[in-house]
Amino acid sequence: MFTGIVEELGEVTAVEDLGDASRFRLRGPVVTEGAKHGDSIAVNGVCLTVVDHEGDEFTADVMAETLNRSSLGSLSVGSRVNLERPTAVGARLGGHIVQGHVDGTGQVLERKPSEHWEIVRISLPADLARYVVEKGSITVDGISLTVVDAGLDHFTVSLIPTTLALTTLGLKQPGDPVNLEVDIVAKYVERLLATTTSPGAAQ
């Protein structure tokens, strides 16, 4: 489990095409400290498994399903990525519960800078809109953010200077893809309500 608090801005150093998958090599001195084979690291919000680790770099295999469902397929050598290790038991939950299981992708539609923050508008797939509410939580490229405004096909977030400086959202431009993970609590509530209100459900 992750919290959506990005630990560092890493970099893709190599991409190997494996046919039905890709192998990424990524640099991240913070997240690779003490890393070992089999560990999990979130890359732009996607939970990946460490295959190998050497120095301040690690490799991870990404299957076709993940490449198709997320924006990882658009990464190339030199791309910057948000990196986060799983939260430790007993640690503070600084963001919200993030699984690292991307629900879909959106696109940056608009950026509106102001003196102390920036409003970013992002497109929202129709099948995810019902899970996104004003002042609720959403994960964008692995970053736990609070929704400012929720529309039928878009939402906005307000970014402070720290987020702009230390994550990929400081670099993304209109048209760029982002990974989205909605609040898992909303999905569980929907499933539970559907079960209890369906014909023949246990009372």
N, C-alpha and C. Protein backbone atom coordinates (compact mmCIF):
# COMPACT_ATOMS: atom_id res chain seq x y z
N MET A 1 0.84 -1.19 0.00
CA MET A 1 0.00 0.00 0.00
C MET A 1 0.88 1.24 0.00
N PHE A 2 0.43 2.26 -0.71
CA PHE A 2 1.15 3.53 -0.78
C PHE A 2 0.25 4.64 -0.21
N THR A 3 0.81 5.84 -0.11
CA THR A 3 0.02 6.95 0.43
C THR A 3 -0.10 8.10 -0.55
N GLY A 4 0.60 8.02 -1.69
CA GLY A 4 0.52 9.10 -2.66
C GLY A 4 1.40 10.28 -2.33
N ILE A 5 2.35 10.08 -1.40
CA ILE A 5 3.33 11.12 -1.07
C ILE A 5 4.63 10.76 -1.79
N VAL A 6 4.90 11.43 -2.88
CA VAL A 6 6.05 11.10 -3.73
C VAL A 6 7.34 11.34 -2.96
N GLU A 7 8.24 10.34 -3.01
CA GLU A 7 9.51 10.45 -2.29
C GLU A 7 10.59 11.15 -3.12
N GLU A 8 10.57 10.92 -4.42
CA GLU A 8 11.56 11.58 -5.27
C GLU A 8 11.13 11.55 -6.73
N LEU A 9 11.72 12.46 -7.49
CA LEU A 9 11.50 12.53 -8.92
C LEU A 9 12.64 11.76 -9.58
N GLY A 10 12.32 10.56 -10.09
CA GLY A 10 13.32 9.70 -10.70
C GLY A 10 13.40 9.90 -12.20
N GLU A 11 14.17 9.03 -12.85
CA GLU A 11 14.38 9.15 -14.29
C GLU A 11 14.48 7.77 -14.93
N VAL A 12 13.87 7.62 -16.11
CA VAL A 12 14.00 6.39 -16.89
C VAL A 12 15.37 6.42 -17.57
N THR A 13 16.18 5.38 -17.36
CA THR A 13 17.50 5.33 -17.96
C THR A 13 17.61 4.32 -19.10
N ALA A 14 16.65 3.40 -19.19
CA ALA A 14 16.66 2.43 -20.29
C ALA A 14 15.28 1.81 -20.42
N VAL A 15 14.89 1.47 -21.64
CA VAL A 15 13.63 0.78 -21.92
C VAL A 15 13.94 -0.36 -22.90
N GLU A 16 13.60 -1.58 -22.51
CA GLU A 16 13.84 -2.75 -23.36
C GLU A 16 12.50 -3.37 -23.78
N ASP A 17 12.29 -3.51 -25.07
CA ASP A 17 11.07 -4.11 -25.60
C ASP A 17 11.18 -5.63 -25.49
N LEU A 18 10.25 -6.25 -24.75
CA LEU A 18 10.25 -7.70 -24.57
C LEU A 18 9.14 -8.37 -25.38
N GLY A 19 8.57 -7.66 -26.33
CA GLY A 19 7.49 -8.21 -27.15
C GLY A 19 6.14 -7.96 -26.51
N ASP A 20 5.77 -8.78 -25.55
CA ASP A 20 4.48 -8.61 -24.88
C ASP A 20 4.66 -7.90 -23.53
N ALA A 21 5.81 -7.30 -23.34
CA ALA A 21 6.10 -6.57 -22.11
C ALA A 21 7.28 -5.63 -22.37
N SER A 22 7.60 -4.82 -21.38
CA SER A 22 8.77 -3.95 -21.46
C SER A 22 9.53 -4.02 -20.14
N ARG A 23 10.83 -3.87 -20.23
CA ARG A 23 11.66 -3.80 -19.02
C ARG A 23 12.21 -2.39 -18.89
N PHE A 24 11.92 -1.76 -17.78
CA PHE A 24 12.38 -0.39 -17.52
C PHE A 24 13.53 -0.41 -16.52
N ARG A 25 14.52 0.42 -16.78
CA ARG A 25 15.54 0.70 -15.77
C ARG A 25 15.35 2.14 -15.33
N LEU A 26 15.29 2.34 -14.03
CA LEU A 26 14.97 3.66 -13.50
C LEU A 26 15.97 4.06 -12.42
N ARG A 27 16.29 5.34 -12.39
CA ARG A 27 17.21 5.86 -11.38
C ARG A 27 16.43 6.56 -10.28
N GLY A 28 16.75 6.20 -9.03
CA GLY A 28 16.11 6.82 -7.88
C GLY A 28 16.90 6.52 -6.63
N PRO A 29 17.85 7.36 -6.26
CA PRO A 29 18.72 7.09 -5.10
C PRO A 29 17.97 6.87 -3.79
N VAL A 30 16.85 7.56 -3.60
CA VAL A 30 16.11 7.42 -2.34
C VAL A 30 15.40 6.08 -2.26
N VAL A 31 14.63 5.74 -3.29
CA VAL A 31 13.82 4.52 -3.23
C VAL A 31 14.64 3.25 -3.39
N THR A 32 15.84 3.35 -3.92
CA THR A 32 16.68 2.16 -4.10
C THR A 32 17.52 1.86 -2.87
N GLU A 33 17.53 2.76 -1.92
CA GLU A 33 18.29 2.50 -0.69
C GLU A 33 17.70 1.30 0.05
N GLY A 34 18.47 0.25 0.14
CA GLY A 34 18.00 -0.96 0.81
C GLY A 34 17.06 -1.81 -0.02
N ALA A 35 16.85 -1.44 -1.30
CA ALA A 35 15.92 -2.20 -2.15
C ALA A 35 16.49 -3.58 -2.47
N LYS A 36 15.59 -4.53 -2.68
CA LYS A 36 16.01 -5.88 -3.04
C LYS A 36 15.00 -6.49 -4.00
N HIS A 37 15.41 -7.59 -4.62
CA HIS A 37 14.55 -8.28 -5.58
C HIS A 37 13.20 -8.61 -4.94
N GLY A 38 12.12 -8.28 -5.65
CA GLY A 38 10.77 -8.57 -5.17
C GLY A 38 10.10 -7.43 -4.44
N ASP A 39 10.85 -6.39 -4.11
CA ASP A 39 10.24 -5.23 -3.46
C ASP A 39 9.31 -4.49 -4.43
N SER A 40 8.39 -3.73 -3.88
CA SER A 40 7.47 -2.93 -4.69
C SER A 40 7.89 -1.46 -4.65
N ILE A 41 7.80 -0.81 -5.80
CA ILE A 41 8.02 0.63 -5.91
C ILE A 41 6.97 1.17 -6.86
N ALA A 42 6.30 2.24 -6.46
CA ALA A 42 5.30 2.86 -7.33
C ALA A 42 6.00 3.82 -8.29
N VAL A 43 5.73 3.64 -9.58
CA VAL A 43 6.30 4.48 -10.63
C VAL A 43 5.15 5.20 -11.32
N ASN A 44 5.05 6.51 -11.13
CA ASN A 44 3.90 7.29 -11.62
C ASN A 44 2.58 6.66 -11.21
N GLY A 45 2.57 6.14 -9.99
CA GLY A 45 1.34 5.59 -9.44
C GLY A 45 1.08 4.13 -9.77
N VAL A 46 1.99 3.48 -10.50
CA VAL A 46 1.83 2.07 -10.86
C VAL A 46 2.76 1.24 -9.98
N CYS A 47 2.19 0.29 -9.26
CA CYS A 47 2.99 -0.58 -8.40
C CYS A 47 3.78 -1.56 -9.25
N LEU A 48 5.11 -1.46 -9.22
CA LEU A 48 5.98 -2.35 -9.99
C LEU A 48 6.87 -3.13 -9.03
N THR A 49 7.31 -4.29 -9.49
CA THR A 49 8.17 -5.17 -8.69
C THR A 49 9.62 -5.03 -9.13
N VAL A 50 10.50 -4.85 -8.17
CA VAL A 50 11.93 -4.74 -8.47
C VAL A 50 12.46 -6.09 -8.95
N VAL A 51 13.00 -6.12 -10.17
CA VAL A 51 13.61 -7.33 -10.72
C VAL A 51 15.08 -7.38 -10.35
N ASP A 52 15.75 -6.25 -10.47
CA ASP A 52 17.17 -6.17 -10.17
C ASP A 52 17.47 -4.78 -9.62
N HIS A 53 18.56 -4.68 -8.88
CA HIS A 53 18.93 -3.41 -8.25
C HIS A 53 20.44 -3.29 -8.23
N GLU A 54 20.94 -2.19 -8.76
CA GLU A 54 22.37 -1.95 -8.76
C GLU A 54 22.63 -0.45 -8.59
N GLY A 55 23.37 -0.11 -7.55
CA GLY A 55 23.64 1.29 -7.28
C GLY A 55 22.35 2.03 -6.99
N ASP A 56 22.14 3.14 -7.70
CA ASP A 56 20.92 3.93 -7.49
C ASP A 56 19.88 3.67 -8.57
N GLU A 57 19.98 2.52 -9.25
CA GLU A 57 19.03 2.16 -10.30
C GLU A 57 18.39 0.81 -10.01
N PHE A 58 17.16 0.65 -10.51
CA PHE A 58 16.48 -0.64 -10.41
C PHE A 58 15.77 -0.92 -11.72
N THR A 59 15.50 -2.20 -11.98
CA THR A 59 14.76 -2.59 -13.18
C THR A 59 13.43 -3.20 -12.76
N ALA A 60 12.43 -3.04 -13.63
CA ALA A 60 11.10 -3.58 -13.38
C ALA A 60 10.47 -3.97 -14.71
N ASP A 61 9.81 -5.12 -14.73
CA ASP A 61 9.10 -5.57 -15.93
C ASP A 61 7.66 -5.09 -15.88
N VAL A 62 7.18 -4.61 -17.03
CA VAL A 62 5.82 -4.09 -17.14
C VAL A 62 5.08 -4.87 -18.21
N MET A 63 4.02 -5.59 -17.82
CA MET A 63 3.28 -6.42 -18.76
C MET A 63 2.39 -5.57 -19.67
N ALA A 64 1.92 -6.20 -20.75
CA ALA A 64 1.12 -5.49 -21.75
C ALA A 64 -0.13 -4.86 -21.14
N GLU A 65 -0.80 -5.56 -20.22
CA GLU A 65 -2.01 -5.02 -19.59
C GLU A 65 -1.72 -3.69 -18.90
N THR A 66 -0.60 -3.61 -18.21
CA THR A 66 -0.23 -2.38 -17.51
C THR A 66 0.14 -1.28 -18.51
N LEU A 67 0.85 -1.65 -19.56
CA LEU A 67 1.23 -0.67 -20.58
C LEU A 67 0.00 -0.09 -21.27
N ASN A 68 -1.01 -0.95 -21.48
CA ASN A 68 -2.24 -0.50 -22.15
C ASN A 68 -3.13 0.33 -21.25
N ARG A 69 -3.15 0.00 -19.97
CA ARG A 69 -4.07 0.66 -19.04
C ARG A 69 -3.49 1.95 -18.46
N SER A 70 -2.18 2.06 -18.45
CA SER A 70 -1.53 3.21 -17.84
C SER A 70 -0.77 4.02 -18.89
N SER A 71 -0.11 5.07 -18.43
CA SER A 71 0.69 5.90 -19.32
C SER A 71 2.15 5.47 -19.37
N LEU A 72 2.48 4.34 -18.74
CA LEU A 72 3.88 3.91 -18.73
C LEU A 72 4.40 3.59 -20.13
N GLY A 73 3.49 3.21 -21.02
CA GLY A 73 3.90 2.91 -22.39
C GLY A 73 4.43 4.11 -23.14
N SER A 74 4.15 5.30 -22.65
CA SER A 74 4.62 6.52 -23.32
C SER A 74 5.98 6.99 -22.79
N LEU A 75 6.50 6.29 -21.78
CA LEU A 75 7.79 6.69 -21.21
C LEU A 75 8.94 6.31 -22.14
N SER A 76 9.98 7.10 -22.11
CA SER A 76 11.19 6.83 -22.89
C SER A 76 12.40 7.23 -22.05
N VAL A 77 13.57 6.93 -22.56
CA VAL A 77 14.79 7.28 -21.84
C VAL A 77 14.82 8.80 -21.59
N GLY A 78 15.05 9.16 -20.36
CA GLY A 78 15.07 10.57 -19.98
C GLY A 78 13.78 11.06 -19.35
N SER A 79 12.69 10.28 -19.47
CA SER A 79 11.42 10.68 -18.86
C SER A 79 11.57 10.74 -17.34
N ARG A 80 10.98 11.76 -16.74
CA ARG A 80 10.97 11.87 -15.28
C ARG A 80 9.73 11.17 -14.73
N VAL A 81 9.90 10.52 -13.60
CA VAL A 81 8.81 9.73 -13.01
C VAL A 81 8.75 9.95 -11.51
N ASN A 82 7.52 9.87 -10.97
CA ASN A 82 7.32 9.94 -9.53
C ASN A 82 7.58 8.57 -8.91
N LEU A 83 8.35 8.53 -7.84
CA LEU A 83 8.70 7.27 -7.19
C LEU A 83 8.29 7.30 -5.72
N GLU A 84 7.75 6.17 -5.27
CA GLU A 84 7.37 6.03 -3.86
C GLU A 84 7.49 4.57 -3.44
N ARG A 85 8.08 4.34 -2.28
CA ARG A 85 8.11 3.00 -1.70
C ARG A 85 6.82 2.77 -0.91
N PRO A 86 6.47 1.49 -0.69
CA PRO A 86 5.26 1.22 0.12
C PRO A 86 5.40 1.81 1.51
N THR A 87 4.26 2.18 2.09
CA THR A 87 4.28 2.73 3.44
C THR A 87 4.57 1.63 4.45
N ALA A 88 5.31 1.97 5.48
CA ALA A 88 5.63 1.00 6.53
C ALA A 88 4.50 0.91 7.54
N VAL A 89 4.29 -0.27 8.10
CA VAL A 89 3.27 -0.44 9.12
C VAL A 89 3.58 0.48 10.31
N GLY A 90 2.59 1.26 10.72
CA GLY A 90 2.78 2.18 11.83
C GLY A 90 3.22 3.56 11.41
N ALA A 91 3.51 3.73 10.11
CA ALA A 91 3.94 5.05 9.63
C ALA A 91 2.72 5.96 9.48
N ARG A 92 2.97 7.27 9.40
CA ARG A 92 1.89 8.22 9.22
C ARG A 92 1.32 8.09 7.81
N LEU A 93 0.00 8.16 7.70
CA LEU A 93 -0.67 8.12 6.40
C LEU A 93 -0.82 9.56 5.92
N GLY A 94 0.23 10.06 5.24
CA GLY A 94 0.26 11.46 4.87
C GLY A 94 -0.71 11.84 3.78
N GLY A 95 -1.03 10.90 2.88
CA GLY A 95 -1.96 11.20 1.79
C GLY A 95 -3.27 10.49 2.00
N HIS A 96 -3.53 9.45 1.19
CA HIS A 96 -4.69 8.59 1.40
C HIS A 96 -4.31 7.18 0.95
N ILE A 97 -5.19 6.22 1.11
CA ILE A 97 -4.87 4.84 0.76
C ILE A 97 -4.77 4.71 -0.76
N VAL A 98 -3.57 4.36 -1.23
CA VAL A 98 -3.29 4.21 -2.66
C VAL A 98 -2.77 2.79 -2.90
N GLN A 99 -3.38 2.08 -3.83
CA GLN A 99 -3.00 0.70 -4.08
C GLN A 99 -1.90 0.56 -5.14
N GLY A 100 -1.77 1.56 -5.99
CA GLY A 100 -0.83 1.41 -7.10
C GLY A 100 -1.44 0.66 -8.26
N HIS A 101 -2.77 0.55 -8.26
CA HIS A 101 -3.52 -0.12 -9.34
C HIS A 101 -4.26 0.96 -10.14
N VAL A 102 -3.71 1.33 -11.28
CA VAL A 102 -4.26 2.43 -12.07
C VAL A 102 -5.62 2.06 -12.64
N ASP A 103 -6.60 2.95 -12.48
CA ASP A 103 -7.95 2.72 -13.00
C ASP A 103 -8.11 3.19 -14.44
N GLY A 104 -7.29 4.12 -14.86
CA GLY A 104 -7.39 4.66 -16.22
C GLY A 104 -6.44 5.83 -16.37
N THR A 105 -6.50 6.45 -17.52
CA THR A 105 -5.64 7.61 -17.76
C THR A 105 -6.48 8.82 -18.13
N GLY A 106 -5.94 9.99 -17.84
CA GLY A 106 -6.54 11.25 -18.26
C GLY A 106 -5.49 12.05 -19.00
N GLN A 107 -5.86 13.24 -19.41
CA GLN A 107 -4.93 14.15 -20.05
C GLN A 107 -4.97 15.50 -19.36
N VAL A 108 -3.83 16.12 -19.25
CA VAL A 108 -3.80 17.49 -18.77
C VAL A 108 -4.48 18.37 -19.81
N LEU A 109 -5.52 19.09 -19.41
CA LEU A 109 -6.27 19.93 -20.33
C LEU A 109 -5.86 21.40 -20.26
N GLU A 110 -5.55 21.85 -19.05
CA GLU A 110 -5.28 23.28 -18.89
C GLU A 110 -4.52 23.52 -17.61
N ARG A 111 -3.65 24.53 -17.63
CA ARG A 111 -2.92 24.96 -16.44
C ARG A 111 -3.18 26.45 -16.23
N LYS A 112 -3.54 26.81 -15.01
CA LYS A 112 -3.78 28.21 -14.68
C LYS A 112 -2.89 28.61 -13.51
N PRO A 113 -1.74 29.22 -13.79
CA PRO A 113 -0.84 29.62 -12.70
C PRO A 113 -1.34 30.85 -11.98
N SER A 114 -1.03 30.94 -10.70
CA SER A 114 -1.29 32.13 -9.91
C SER A 114 -0.04 32.40 -9.09
N GLU A 115 -0.14 33.34 -8.17
CA GLU A 115 1.06 33.76 -7.44
C GLU A 115 1.64 32.65 -6.57
N HIS A 116 0.77 31.89 -5.89
CA HIS A 116 1.26 30.91 -4.92
C HIS A 116 0.86 29.46 -5.22
N TRP A 117 0.06 29.22 -6.20
CA TRP A 117 -0.34 27.86 -6.55
C TRP A 117 -0.73 27.83 -8.02
N GLU A 118 -1.09 26.64 -8.49
CA GLU A 118 -1.50 26.50 -9.88
C GLU A 118 -2.69 25.54 -9.96
N ILE A 119 -3.70 25.92 -10.72
CA ILE A 119 -4.86 25.06 -10.94
C ILE A 119 -4.63 24.27 -12.22
N VAL A 120 -4.78 22.95 -12.13
CA VAL A 120 -4.60 22.08 -13.29
C VAL A 120 -5.91 21.33 -13.53
N ARG A 121 -6.39 21.41 -14.77
CA ARG A 121 -7.62 20.70 -15.15
C ARG A 121 -7.23 19.45 -15.94
N ILE A 122 -7.82 18.31 -15.57
CA ILE A 122 -7.46 17.01 -16.13
C ILE A 122 -8.72 16.30 -16.61
N SER A 123 -8.65 15.68 -17.78
CA SER A 123 -9.80 14.95 -18.30
C SER A 123 -10.06 13.70 -17.46
N LEU A 124 -11.32 13.28 -17.45
CA LEU A 124 -11.74 12.17 -16.60
C LEU A 124 -12.56 11.18 -17.42
N PRO A 125 -12.11 9.92 -17.53
CA PRO A 125 -12.90 8.91 -18.25
C PRO A 125 -14.30 8.79 -17.66
N ALA A 126 -15.29 8.58 -18.52
CA ALA A 126 -16.69 8.54 -18.09
C ALA A 126 -16.95 7.49 -17.01
N ASP A 127 -16.27 6.34 -17.10
CA ASP A 127 -16.53 5.27 -16.14
C ASP A 127 -15.92 5.53 -14.77
N LEU A 128 -15.12 6.58 -14.64
CA LEU A 128 -14.52 6.90 -13.35
C LEU A 128 -15.15 8.12 -12.70
N ALA A 129 -15.96 8.86 -13.45
CA ALA A 129 -16.50 10.13 -12.96
C ALA A 129 -17.30 9.97 -11.67
N ARG A 130 -18.02 8.86 -11.52
CA ARG A 130 -18.87 8.70 -10.34
C ARG A 130 -18.07 8.53 -9.05
N TYR A 131 -16.79 8.24 -9.16
CA TYR A 131 -15.97 8.05 -7.96
C TYR A 131 -15.25 9.34 -7.54
N VAL A 132 -15.37 10.38 -8.33
CA VAL A 132 -14.63 11.62 -8.07
C VAL A 132 -15.58 12.70 -7.59
N VAL A 133 -15.32 13.21 -6.39
CA VAL A 133 -16.21 14.22 -5.80
C VAL A 133 -15.39 15.41 -5.30
N GLU A 134 -16.04 16.55 -5.25
CA GLU A 134 -15.40 17.76 -4.75
C GLU A 134 -14.87 17.54 -3.33
N LYS A 135 -13.62 17.91 -3.12
CA LYS A 135 -12.91 17.77 -1.85
C LYS A 135 -12.58 16.32 -1.51
N GLY A 136 -12.82 15.41 -2.44
CA GLY A 136 -12.41 14.03 -2.25
C GLY A 136 -10.96 13.84 -2.67
N SER A 137 -10.47 12.61 -2.56
CA SER A 137 -9.10 12.30 -2.91
C SER A 137 -9.01 11.59 -4.25
N ILE A 138 -7.94 11.86 -5.00
CA ILE A 138 -7.66 11.15 -6.24
C ILE A 138 -6.14 11.09 -6.38
N THR A 139 -5.67 10.02 -7.02
CA THR A 139 -4.24 9.87 -7.26
C THR A 139 -3.94 10.17 -8.72
N VAL A 140 -3.05 11.12 -8.95
CA VAL A 140 -2.65 11.51 -10.30
C VAL A 140 -1.15 11.26 -10.45
N ASP A 141 -0.78 10.32 -11.32
CA ASP A 141 0.63 9.95 -11.48
C ASP A 141 1.28 9.61 -10.14
N GLY A 142 0.49 8.96 -9.27
CA GLY A 142 1.01 8.54 -7.98
C GLY A 142 0.99 9.59 -6.90
N ILE A 143 0.41 10.76 -7.18
CA ILE A 143 0.37 11.86 -6.22
C ILE A 143 -1.02 11.94 -5.59
N SER A 144 -1.09 11.90 -4.29
CA SER A 144 -2.36 12.06 -3.59
C SER A 144 -2.77 13.53 -3.63
N LEU A 145 -3.93 13.79 -4.26
CA LEU A 145 -4.38 15.17 -4.42
C LEU A 145 -5.84 15.30 -3.99
N THR A 146 -6.21 16.53 -3.62
CA THR A 146 -7.59 16.84 -3.27
C THR A 146 -8.29 17.45 -4.48
N VAL A 147 -9.45 16.93 -4.81
CA VAL A 147 -10.22 17.44 -5.94
C VAL A 147 -10.82 18.79 -5.58
N VAL A 148 -10.57 19.78 -6.42
CA VAL A 148 -11.15 21.11 -6.22
C VAL A 148 -12.54 21.17 -6.83
N ASP A 149 -12.65 20.74 -8.08
CA ASP A 149 -13.93 20.77 -8.80
C ASP A 149 -14.07 19.47 -9.57
N ALA A 150 -15.24 18.86 -9.52
CA ALA A 150 -15.48 17.59 -10.21
C ALA A 150 -16.59 17.75 -11.24
N GLY A 151 -16.25 17.60 -12.51
CA GLY A 151 -17.23 17.66 -13.58
C GLY A 151 -17.54 16.27 -14.11
N LEU A 152 -18.34 16.20 -15.15
CA LEU A 152 -18.70 14.90 -15.73
C LEU A 152 -17.57 14.30 -16.52
N ASP A 153 -16.70 15.14 -17.06
CA ASP A 153 -15.60 14.61 -17.88
C ASP A 153 -14.26 15.23 -17.54
N HIS A 154 -14.19 15.90 -16.38
CA HIS A 154 -12.92 16.50 -15.98
C HIS A 154 -12.95 16.78 -14.48
N PHE A 155 -11.78 17.07 -13.94
CA PHE A 155 -11.69 17.54 -12.56
C PHE A 155 -10.50 18.49 -12.47
N THR A 156 -10.45 19.27 -11.41
CA THR A 156 -9.33 20.18 -11.22
C THR A 156 -8.66 19.91 -9.88
N VAL A 157 -7.38 20.20 -9.82
CA VAL A 157 -6.61 20.11 -8.59
C VAL A 157 -5.79 21.38 -8.44
N SER A 158 -5.51 21.76 -7.21
CA SER A 158 -4.70 22.94 -6.92
C SER A 158 -3.35 22.47 -6.41
N LEU A 159 -2.28 22.92 -7.07
CA LEU A 159 -0.94 22.44 -6.76
C LEU A 159 -0.11 23.51 -6.08
N ILE A 160 0.48 23.16 -4.94
CA ILE A 160 1.36 24.07 -4.23
C ILE A 160 2.75 24.02 -4.85
N PRO A 161 3.60 25.01 -4.57
CA PRO A 161 4.94 25.04 -5.17
C PRO A 161 5.75 23.77 -4.93
N THR A 162 5.62 23.15 -3.75
CA THR A 162 6.38 21.93 -3.47
C THR A 162 6.00 20.81 -4.43
N THR A 163 4.70 20.64 -4.68
CA THR A 163 4.24 19.61 -5.62
C THR A 163 4.74 19.90 -7.03
N LEU A 164 4.70 21.16 -7.42
CA LEU A 164 5.17 21.54 -8.75
C LEU A 164 6.67 21.29 -8.90
N ALA A 165 7.43 21.51 -7.83
CA ALA A 165 8.89 21.38 -7.91
C ALA A 165 9.37 19.94 -7.80
N LEU A 166 8.64 19.10 -7.06
CA LEU A 166 9.14 17.77 -6.73
C LEU A 166 8.43 16.62 -7.39
N THR A 167 7.48 16.89 -8.28
CA THR A 167 6.76 15.82 -8.97
C THR A 167 6.64 16.11 -10.46
N THR A 168 6.15 15.13 -11.20
CA THR A 168 5.99 15.28 -12.65
C THR A 168 4.94 16.31 -13.02
N LEU A 169 4.04 16.64 -12.09
CA LEU A 169 2.99 17.61 -12.42
C LEU A 169 3.55 19.01 -12.61
N GLY A 170 4.77 19.24 -12.20
CA GLY A 170 5.41 20.50 -12.50
C GLY A 170 5.91 20.56 -13.93
N LEU A 171 5.97 19.39 -14.60
CA LEU A 171 6.50 19.29 -15.95
C LEU A 171 5.43 19.03 -17.01
N LYS A 172 4.32 18.46 -16.59
CA LYS A 172 3.28 18.08 -17.55
C LYS A 172 2.65 19.29 -18.23
N GLN A 173 2.41 19.14 -19.54
CA GLN A 173 1.80 20.19 -20.34
C GLN A 173 0.47 19.71 -20.90
N PRO A 174 -0.42 20.63 -21.34
CA PRO A 174 -1.69 20.21 -21.94
C PRO A 174 -1.46 19.18 -23.04
N GLY A 175 -2.23 18.09 -22.96
CA GLY A 175 -2.09 16.99 -23.90
C GLY A 175 -1.31 15.82 -23.35
N ASP A 176 -0.54 16.04 -22.29
CA ASP A 176 0.24 14.95 -21.70
C ASP A 176 -0.67 14.00 -20.91
N PRO A 177 -0.39 12.69 -20.98
CA PRO A 177 -1.21 11.72 -20.25
C PRO A 177 -0.78 11.61 -18.79
N VAL A 178 -1.74 11.27 -17.94
CA VAL A 178 -1.47 11.03 -16.52
C VAL A 178 -2.24 9.79 -16.08
N ASN A 179 -1.67 9.06 -15.13
CA ASN A 179 -2.35 7.90 -14.55
C ASN A 179 -3.31 8.33 -13.46
N LEU A 180 -4.47 7.69 -13.42
CA LEU A 180 -5.49 8.02 -12.42
C LEU A 180 -5.85 6.79 -11.61
N GLU A 181 -5.90 6.96 -10.31
CA GLU A 181 -6.44 5.93 -9.42
C GLU A 181 -7.44 6.60 -8.50
N VAL A 182 -8.70 6.15 -8.57
CA VAL A 182 -9.73 6.76 -7.73
C VAL A 182 -9.68 6.15 -6.34
N ASP A 183 -10.40 6.76 -5.43
CA ASP A 183 -10.41 6.33 -4.03
C ASP A 183 -11.02 4.93 -3.93
N ILE A 184 -10.25 3.98 -3.41
CA ILE A 184 -10.71 2.59 -3.29
C ILE A 184 -11.93 2.48 -2.39
N VAL A 185 -12.05 3.37 -1.40
CA VAL A 185 -13.19 3.33 -0.48
C VAL A 185 -14.49 3.54 -1.26
N ALA A 186 -14.48 4.45 -2.23
CA ALA A 186 -15.69 4.72 -3.03
C ALA A 186 -16.10 3.48 -3.82
N LYS A 187 -15.15 2.74 -4.33
CA LYS A 187 -15.47 1.55 -5.11
C LYS A 187 -16.04 0.44 -4.23
N TYR A 188 -15.51 0.30 -3.02
CA TYR A 188 -16.04 -0.71 -2.10
C TYR A 188 -17.46 -0.36 -1.67
N VAL A 189 -17.70 0.92 -1.39
CA VAL A 189 -19.04 1.35 -0.99
C VAL A 189 -20.04 1.07 -2.10
N GLU A 190 -19.67 1.38 -3.33
CA GLU A 190 -20.55 1.13 -4.47
C GLU A 190 -20.88 -0.36 -4.58
N ARG A 191 -19.88 -1.21 -4.43
CA ARG A 191 -20.09 -2.65 -4.54
C ARG A 191 -20.99 -3.17 -3.42
N LEU A 192 -20.77 -2.69 -2.21
CA LEU A 192 -21.57 -3.12 -1.08
C LEU A 192 -23.03 -2.69 -1.23
N LEU A 193 -23.25 -1.46 -1.69
CA LEU A 193 -24.62 -0.97 -1.88
C LEU A 193 -25.32 -1.76 -2.98
N ALA A 194 -24.59 -2.09 -4.05
CA ALA A 194 -25.18 -2.86 -5.15
C ALA A 194 -25.58 -4.25 -4.68
N THR A 195 -24.77 -4.82 -3.78
CA THR A 195 -25.05 -6.17 -3.27
C THR A 195 -26.26 -6.17 -2.35
N THR A 196 -26.35 -5.18 -1.48
CA THR A 196 -27.43 -5.16 -0.48
C THR A 196 -28.76 -4.71 -1.06
N THR A 197 -28.74 -4.04 -2.22
CA THR A 197 -29.99 -3.55 -2.79
C THR A 197 -30.46 -4.40 -3.97
N SER A 198 -29.66 -5.40 -4.37
CA SER A 198 -30.06 -6.24 -5.50
C SER A 198 -31.10 -7.25 -5.07
N PRO A 199 -31.99 -7.70 -6.01
CA PRO A 199 -33.01 -8.68 -5.66
C PRO A 199 -32.39 -9.97 -5.12
N GLY A 200 -32.94 -10.46 -4.03
CA GLY A 200 -32.44 -11.71 -3.46
C GLY A 200 -31.27 -11.54 -2.54
N ALA A 201 -30.82 -10.31 -2.33
CA ALA A 201 -29.68 -10.09 -1.43
C ALA A 201 -30.09 -10.38 -0.01
N ALA A 202 -29.13 -10.85 0.77
CA ALA A 202 -29.40 -11.17 2.16
C ALA A 202 -29.77 -9.89 2.92
N GLN A 203 -30.73 -9.99 3.79
CA GLN A 203 -31.17 -8.84 4.58
C GLN A 203 -30.62 -8.94 5.99
